[in-house]
Amino acid sequence: MSVFSHKDFNDHEQVIYCHDASVGLHAIIAIHNTALGPAAGGCRMYPYETYDDALTDVLRLSEGMSYKNAIAGLPLGGGKCVIIADPNTPNKKQLLRAFSKHVQHLNGRYWTAIDVGVGPEDADVLAENCDFIFARASQYPTGFNPSLFTAFGGFTGIRAAAMHLWNSTDLSHKKVAIQGLGATGRELSRLLHEAGAQLVVADVNQEAVDFVVKAYGAMAISPKEIHAAKVDIFAPCAMGAIINDATINEIKAKAICGLANNQLATAAHGKQLMELGITYVPDYVINAGGMMGAGSRIFSKPTMEDSKERVSGLYDIILNLLQKAKNEKRPTSEVADEIAKDRMNQAKTNTNK
């Protein structure tokens, strides 16, 4: 299949296939839009079944990064990369080092960082041969994972959704279902627990489930049933497309506020959620905390306090978005896309003057 005829190709500026036979590297970099600044987005390592699956993922994720960075008010464009490999492979470091040379050749047009299968320590490995890596372990206090900025942004977004729906940020009587208990899902669980929320959780990793159940008094449920849990808020924090034809009519939550990318299987599902009376905070808006906290190192030298304060700004961004969508009787996903596109188009217009 030609990249240009792929269903998820949407005015991407560059799609680069990366290969190094000496280590078995197969990877793809997608740069969607650089109107607002250099493209930025994480490096995902995942054992995709086919190359087309990997292409689909990187095209969708890179476009989402353009919208995310635009609506978050960052001077950054959108890009993403995927390495087609099991992140537990013994030659992971060799793959990362080989891949980072491809990023270096772009000379700052694209910056990459942590994502699924690539952690802060891995980002330091990428940085051995590349100047354009952020969210590295060495950039933060020992033991701090920059993905915690994403979790804090998710918590901030849930508070904004609660204010919009119930005119209060008090979560002490709210029940939240969290799907996915990786680094961000687990931290979100902690923050919600400390805020008094009751938790229903699911993950394919039983050890992660057991930890959250014991630490935060959560109730465990099957990953196949978590979307249909009788809760106030559903927080998808695993893989994408959880809101689809098979699940959408089973959702009982009043709000969907989660950290997973590409939660809507299709754009039409955003309109369906509105028609069902379910408040949806677009994924690339609520999970922008990671970029707001860690991505700012691309263009500044923030302290930890500066980074956290920037992420706190998501509260007003989300509250204003939800109110605008309500006033205009339009899907939040549609309104968010429009705001992001307008900002990118304006930046492009200003550049061309």
Protein backbone atom coordinates (compact mmCIF):
# COMPACT_ATOMS: atom_id res chain seq x y z
CA MET A 1 0.00 0.00 0.00
CA SER A 2 1.23 3.49 -0.86
CA VAL A 3 1.65 5.76 2.15
CA PHE A 4 -0.24 8.49 0.29
CA SER A 5 -3.32 6.29 -0.17
CA HIS A 6 -3.35 5.05 3.42
CA LYS A 7 -6.61 5.90 5.17
CA ASP A 8 -4.76 7.62 8.03
CA PHE A 9 -2.44 9.72 5.87
CA ASN A 10 -3.66 13.29 6.42
CA ASP A 11 -1.33 15.94 5.01
CA HIS A 12 1.71 14.47 6.77
CA GLU A 13 4.87 16.34 5.84
CA GLN A 14 7.23 13.35 5.99
CA VAL A 15 7.08 9.61 6.57
CA ILE A 16 10.49 8.01 6.94
CA TYR A 17 11.23 4.28 6.99
CA CYS A 18 14.34 3.41 9.01
CA HIS A 19 16.32 0.18 8.62
CA ASP A 20 19.61 -1.17 9.93
CA ALA A 21 20.21 -4.79 8.96
CA SER A 22 23.13 -5.15 11.38
CA VAL A 23 20.78 -5.06 14.39
CA GLY A 24 17.46 -5.92 12.73
CA LEU A 25 16.01 -2.42 13.02
CA HIS A 26 12.69 -1.70 11.36
CA ALA A 27 11.16 1.65 12.34
CA ILE A 28 9.01 4.48 11.01
CA ILE A 29 9.12 8.21 11.76
CA ALA A 30 6.06 10.28 10.86
CA ILE A 31 6.24 14.08 10.91
CA HIS A 32 2.73 15.46 10.62
CA ASN A 33 3.01 19.23 10.96
CA THR A 34 5.76 21.71 11.84
CA ALA A 35 3.86 25.00 11.48
CA LEU A 36 4.18 25.81 15.19
CA GLY A 37 7.72 24.49 15.66
CA PRO A 38 9.83 21.34 15.42
CA ALA A 39 7.81 18.12 15.49
CA ALA A 40 7.86 16.37 18.85
CA GLY A 41 6.43 13.07 20.05
CA GLY A 42 7.47 9.87 21.74
CA CYS A 43 9.25 6.77 20.50
CA ARG A 44 7.08 3.65 20.77
CA MET A 45 8.56 0.14 20.71
CA TYR A 46 5.93 -2.49 20.01
CA PRO A 47 5.84 -5.89 18.23
CA TYR A 48 3.27 -4.97 15.57
CA GLU A 49 1.88 -7.96 13.69
CA THR A 50 2.38 -6.23 10.33
CA TYR A 51 4.21 -3.23 8.93
CA ASP A 52 0.85 -1.76 7.94
CA ASP A 53 -0.27 -1.92 11.57
CA ALA A 54 2.84 0.04 12.52
CA LEU A 55 2.21 2.58 9.77
CA THR A 56 -1.39 3.04 10.87
CA ASP A 57 -0.30 3.65 14.45
CA VAL A 58 2.46 6.12 13.64
CA LEU A 59 0.28 8.10 11.23
CA ARG A 60 -2.57 8.43 13.74
CA LEU A 61 -0.27 9.15 16.68
CA SER A 62 1.76 11.80 14.86
CA GLU A 63 -1.37 13.67 13.79
CA GLY A 64 -2.62 13.50 17.37
CA MET A 65 0.65 15.04 18.54
CA SER A 66 0.13 18.02 16.22
CA TYR A 67 -3.27 18.67 17.79
CA LYS A 68 -2.00 17.99 21.29
CA ASN A 69 0.89 20.43 21.11
CA ALA A 70 -1.25 23.06 19.39
CA ILE A 71 -4.12 23.00 21.87
CA ALA A 72 -1.67 22.92 24.79
CA GLY A 73 -0.18 26.17 23.52
CA LEU A 74 3.30 24.73 22.93
CA PRO A 75 5.63 26.03 20.20
CA LEU A 76 5.95 22.52 18.83
CA GLY A 77 4.65 20.53 15.89
CA GLY A 78 3.57 16.93 15.83
CA GLY A 79 5.50 13.77 15.11
CA LYS A 80 5.86 10.20 16.31
CA CYS A 81 8.06 7.19 15.72
CA VAL A 82 7.60 3.47 16.16
CA ILE A 83 10.22 0.74 16.41
CA ILE A 84 8.79 -2.61 15.38
CA ALA A 85 10.15 -4.87 18.11
CA ASP A 86 9.36 -6.44 21.46
CA PRO A 87 10.57 -3.97 24.14
CA ASN A 88 11.85 -6.95 26.12
CA THR A 89 14.19 -8.03 23.33
CA PRO A 90 17.80 -8.63 24.50
CA ASN A 91 19.19 -6.22 21.87
CA LYS A 92 16.94 -3.32 22.83
CA LYS A 93 19.85 -0.94 23.42
CA GLN A 94 21.36 -1.77 20.04
CA LEU A 95 18.02 -1.03 18.36
CA LEU A 96 17.69 2.29 20.21
CA ARG A 97 21.24 3.36 19.33
CA ALA A 98 20.76 2.46 15.67
CA PHE A 99 17.43 4.22 15.49
CA SER A 100 18.63 7.39 17.21
CA LYS A 101 21.05 8.02 14.33
CA HIS A 102 18.07 8.36 12.00
CA VAL A 103 16.56 10.98 14.31
CA GLN A 104 19.90 12.80 14.47
CA HIS A 105 19.99 13.03 10.68
CA LEU A 106 16.79 15.12 10.83
CA ASN A 107 18.86 17.75 12.67
CA GLY A 108 16.18 18.96 15.08
CA ARG A 109 13.22 18.81 12.71
CA TYR A 110 11.91 16.02 14.99
CA TRP A 111 12.45 15.46 18.72
CA THR A 112 11.54 12.20 20.41
CA ALA A 113 11.12 10.85 23.93
CA ILE A 114 9.50 8.13 26.03
CA ASP A 115 6.39 6.19 25.07
CA VAL A 116 5.03 2.64 25.24
CA GLY A 117 8.02 0.29 25.54
CA VAL A 118 10.56 3.12 25.87
CA GLY A 119 11.25 4.54 29.33
CA PRO A 120 13.39 7.41 30.66
CA GLU A 121 16.52 5.22 30.92
CA ASP A 122 15.97 4.15 27.31
CA ALA A 123 15.75 7.82 26.35
CA ASP A 124 19.26 8.26 27.75
CA VAL A 125 20.40 5.44 25.46
CA LEU A 126 18.80 7.25 22.51
CA ALA A 127 20.64 10.40 23.56
CA GLU A 128 24.04 8.71 23.27
CA ASN A 129 23.96 9.30 19.50
CA CYS A 130 21.33 12.01 19.22
CA ASP A 131 20.97 15.60 20.41
CA PHE A 132 17.19 15.70 19.99
CA ILE A 133 15.90 13.56 22.86
CA PHE A 134 13.85 14.77 25.82
CA ALA A 135 12.23 13.17 28.90
CA ARG A 136 15.52 11.47 29.73
CA ALA A 137 16.07 9.99 33.19
CA SER A 138 19.25 12.05 33.55
CA GLN A 139 17.24 15.28 33.22
CA TYR A 140 15.28 14.67 36.43
CA PRO A 141 15.82 13.73 40.08
CA THR A 142 16.68 10.08 40.64
CA GLY A 143 13.59 7.89 40.46
CA PHE A 144 11.33 10.49 38.83
CA ASN A 145 9.57 9.34 35.67
CA PRO A 146 8.51 12.19 33.33
CA SER A 147 5.39 10.17 32.50
CA LEU A 148 4.11 11.30 35.90
CA PHE A 149 3.46 14.68 34.29
CA THR A 150 0.96 12.88 32.06
CA ALA A 151 -0.77 11.31 35.06
CA PHE A 152 -0.95 14.67 36.84
CA GLY A 153 -2.48 16.16 33.69
CA GLY A 154 -5.04 13.35 33.67
CA PHE A 155 -5.98 14.05 37.27
CA THR A 156 -6.23 17.76 36.47
CA GLY A 157 -8.50 16.96 33.52
CA ILE A 158 -10.76 14.77 35.62
CA ARG A 159 -11.16 17.62 38.11
CA ALA A 160 -12.09 19.96 35.25
CA ALA A 161 -14.65 17.47 33.93
CA ALA A 162 -16.11 17.11 37.43
CA MET A 163 -16.48 20.87 37.71
CA HIS A 164 -18.18 20.97 34.32
CA LEU A 165 -20.62 18.17 35.14
CA TRP A 166 -21.23 18.54 38.86
CA ASN A 167 -20.04 22.09 39.61
CA SER A 168 -17.42 20.78 42.03
CA THR A 169 -13.90 19.35 41.88
CA ASP A 170 -14.62 17.18 44.92
CA LEU A 171 -14.03 13.56 43.88
CA SER A 172 -14.61 11.98 47.30
CA HIS A 173 -17.97 10.51 46.28
CA LYS A 174 -17.10 9.66 42.70
CA LYS A 175 -16.34 6.23 41.27
CA VAL A 176 -13.68 6.04 38.56
CA ALA A 177 -12.86 3.07 36.31
CA ILE A 178 -9.24 2.97 35.16
CA GLN A 179 -8.33 0.73 32.24
CA GLY A 180 -4.57 0.18 32.14
CA LEU A 181 -2.20 0.35 35.09
CA GLY A 182 1.14 1.16 33.56
CA ALA A 183 3.23 4.05 34.90
CA THR A 184 0.57 6.67 34.13
CA GLY A 185 -2.48 4.58 35.06
CA ARG A 186 -0.92 3.59 38.37
CA GLU A 187 0.00 7.17 39.26
CA LEU A 188 -3.47 8.36 38.26
CA SER A 189 -4.86 5.72 40.62
CA ARG A 190 -2.76 7.13 43.46
CA LEU A 191 -3.84 10.70 42.83
CA LEU A 192 -7.51 9.76 42.61
CA HIS A 193 -7.28 7.61 45.74
CA GLU A 194 -5.74 10.50 47.67
CA ALA A 195 -8.60 12.68 46.42
CA GLY A 196 -11.07 10.22 47.91
CA ALA A 197 -12.35 8.58 44.72
CA GLN A 198 -13.47 4.95 44.65
CA LEU A 199 -11.52 2.97 42.05
CA VAL A 200 -12.45 0.14 39.71
CA VAL A 201 -9.41 -1.09 37.79
CA ALA A 202 -8.34 -3.53 35.09
CA ASP A 203 -5.11 -4.53 33.38
CA VAL A 204 -3.77 -7.59 31.56
CA ASN A 205 -0.87 -7.50 34.04
CA GLN A 206 -2.20 -9.16 37.20
CA GLU A 207 0.74 -7.92 39.28
CA ALA A 208 -0.16 -4.32 38.45
CA VAL A 209 -3.79 -4.98 39.38
CA ASP A 210 -2.82 -6.60 42.68
CA PHE A 211 -0.64 -3.62 43.59
CA VAL A 212 -3.37 -1.04 43.01
CA VAL A 213 -6.01 -3.15 44.76
CA LYS A 214 -3.82 -3.49 47.83
CA ALA A 215 -2.37 0.05 47.87
CA TYR A 216 -5.48 2.03 46.99
CA GLY A 217 -8.42 -0.19 47.94
CA ALA A 218 -9.49 -0.60 44.31
CA MET A 219 -11.93 -3.20 43.03
CA ALA A 220 -10.59 -5.34 40.19
CA ILE A 221 -12.65 -6.15 37.13
CA SER A 222 -12.00 -7.96 33.84
CA PRO A 223 -10.29 -5.86 31.12
CA LYS A 224 -13.12 -6.95 28.80
CA GLU A 225 -15.73 -5.43 31.13
CA ILE A 226 -14.04 -2.30 32.48
CA HIS A 227 -15.58 0.02 29.85
CA ALA A 228 -19.07 -1.03 30.96
CA ALA A 229 -18.50 -0.57 34.69
CA LYS A 230 -21.18 1.37 36.55
CA VAL A 231 -19.07 4.41 37.44
CA ASP A 232 -19.12 8.18 37.21
CA ILE A 233 -15.93 8.48 35.15
CA PHE A 234 -14.21 6.06 32.77
CA ALA A 235 -10.46 6.60 32.31
CA PRO A 236 -8.97 4.58 29.42
CA CYS A 237 -5.21 4.41 29.98
CA ALA A 238 -4.22 1.45 27.79
CA MET A 239 -4.17 1.05 24.01
CA GLY A 240 -6.42 2.97 21.61
CA ALA A 241 -9.81 2.50 19.92
CA ILE A 242 -11.56 1.45 23.14
CA ILE A 243 -14.58 3.57 22.15
CA ASN A 244 -15.93 1.66 19.18
CA ASP A 245 -19.13 0.19 17.74
CA ALA A 246 -18.99 -2.77 20.13
CA THR A 247 -18.40 -0.79 23.35
CA ILE A 248 -19.97 2.63 22.99
CA ASN A 249 -23.54 1.67 23.92
CA GLU A 250 -22.29 -0.27 26.95
CA ILE A 251 -20.57 2.72 28.57
CA LYS A 252 -22.41 3.81 31.72
CA ALA A 253 -20.04 6.56 32.86
CA LYS A 254 -21.08 10.19 32.64
CA ALA A 255 -17.60 11.23 31.54
CA ILE A 256 -14.65 9.71 29.68
CA CYS A 257 -11.33 11.22 30.77
CA GLY A 258 -8.37 8.93 30.13
CA LEU A 259 -4.74 8.99 29.08
CA ALA A 260 -4.72 6.47 26.22
CA ASN A 261 -4.06 7.77 22.71
CA ASN A 262 -6.64 7.49 19.92
CA GLN A 263 -9.51 6.40 22.17
CA LEU A 264 -12.14 6.93 19.45
CA ALA A 265 -12.10 4.17 16.83
CA THR A 266 -13.51 6.71 14.35
CA ALA A 267 -14.38 10.42 14.43
CA ALA A 268 -18.07 9.48 14.31
CA HIS A 269 -17.83 8.04 17.81
CA GLY A 270 -17.24 11.54 19.20
CA LYS A 271 -20.64 12.62 17.94
CA GLN A 272 -22.23 9.44 19.30
CA LEU A 273 -20.86 10.15 22.76
CA MET A 274 -22.43 13.61 22.68
CA GLU A 275 -25.76 12.12 21.60
CA LEU A 276 -25.53 9.62 24.46
CA GLY A 277 -24.99 12.46 26.93
CA ILE A 278 -21.46 11.35 27.79
CA THR A 279 -18.88 14.10 28.35
CA TYR A 280 -15.70 13.22 26.48
CA VAL A 281 -12.41 14.98 27.11
CA PRO A 282 -10.43 14.37 23.89
CA ASP A 283 -7.48 12.11 24.57
CA TYR A 284 -4.82 14.35 23.08
CA VAL A 285 -6.01 17.20 25.30
CA ILE A 286 -6.12 15.41 28.64
CA ASN A 287 -2.89 13.49 28.04
CA ALA A 288 -0.98 16.63 27.02
CA GLY A 289 0.55 16.90 30.50
CA GLY A 290 3.59 14.86 29.48
CA MET A 291 4.43 17.22 26.66
CA MET A 292 3.64 20.30 28.74
CA GLY A 293 5.88 19.10 31.54
CA ALA A 294 8.72 17.37 29.70
CA GLY A 295 8.48 18.78 26.18
CA SER A 296 9.10 22.30 27.42
CA ARG A 297 12.76 21.30 27.82
CA ILE A 298 13.04 21.49 24.04
CA PHE A 299 12.66 25.27 24.11
CA SER A 300 13.38 26.27 27.76
CA LYS A 301 15.02 25.21 31.02
CA PRO A 302 12.10 24.80 33.45
CA THR A 303 12.33 23.80 37.10
CA MET A 304 10.14 20.96 38.37
CA GLU A 305 7.82 23.59 39.84
CA ASP A 306 7.63 25.39 36.48
CA SER A 307 6.75 22.15 34.73
CA LYS A 308 4.03 21.21 37.18
CA GLU A 309 2.53 24.71 37.02
CA ARG A 310 2.40 24.48 33.22
CA VAL A 311 0.58 21.13 33.44
CA SER A 312 -1.89 22.66 35.91
CA GLY A 313 -2.94 24.95 33.08
CA LEU A 314 -4.81 22.01 31.55
CA TYR A 315 -7.63 22.68 34.02
CA ASP A 316 -8.66 25.92 32.32
CA ILE A 317 -7.97 24.57 28.82
CA ILE A 318 -10.29 21.61 29.38
CA LEU A 319 -12.98 23.53 31.24
CA ASN A 320 -13.13 26.12 28.46
CA LEU A 321 -13.24 23.40 25.79
CA LEU A 322 -16.11 21.57 27.48
CA GLN A 323 -18.08 24.79 27.91
CA LYS A 324 -17.51 25.83 24.29
CA ALA A 325 -18.70 22.43 23.02
CA LYS A 326 -21.78 22.60 25.24
CA ASN A 327 -22.64 26.12 24.12
CA GLU A 328 -22.27 25.21 20.46
CA LYS A 329 -23.95 21.80 20.85
CA ARG A 330 -21.02 20.12 19.12
CA PRO A 331 -18.83 17.10 19.96
CA THR A 332 -15.84 18.00 22.11
CA SER A 333 -13.61 16.04 19.73
CA GLU A 334 -14.75 18.23 16.82
CA VAL A 335 -14.28 21.47 18.74
CA ALA A 336 -10.81 20.49 19.95
CA ASP A 337 -9.72 19.52 16.43
CA GLU A 338 -10.96 22.87 15.13
CA ILE A 339 -9.06 24.87 17.76
CA ALA A 340 -5.84 22.96 17.06
CA LYS A 341 -6.16 23.25 13.28
CA ASP A 342 -6.90 26.96 13.49
CA ARG A 343 -3.72 27.53 15.50
CA MET A 344 -1.61 25.53 13.05
CA ASN A 345 -3.13 27.25 10.04
CA GLN A 346 -2.61 30.69 11.57
CA ALA A 347 1.03 29.88 12.28
CA LYS A 348 1.50 28.70 8.69
CA THR A 349 -0.14 31.86 7.37
CA ASN A 350 2.11 34.05 9.50
CA THR A 351 5.18 32.16 8.29
CA ASN A 352 4.23 32.63 4.65
CA LYS A 353 3.70 36.39 4.94
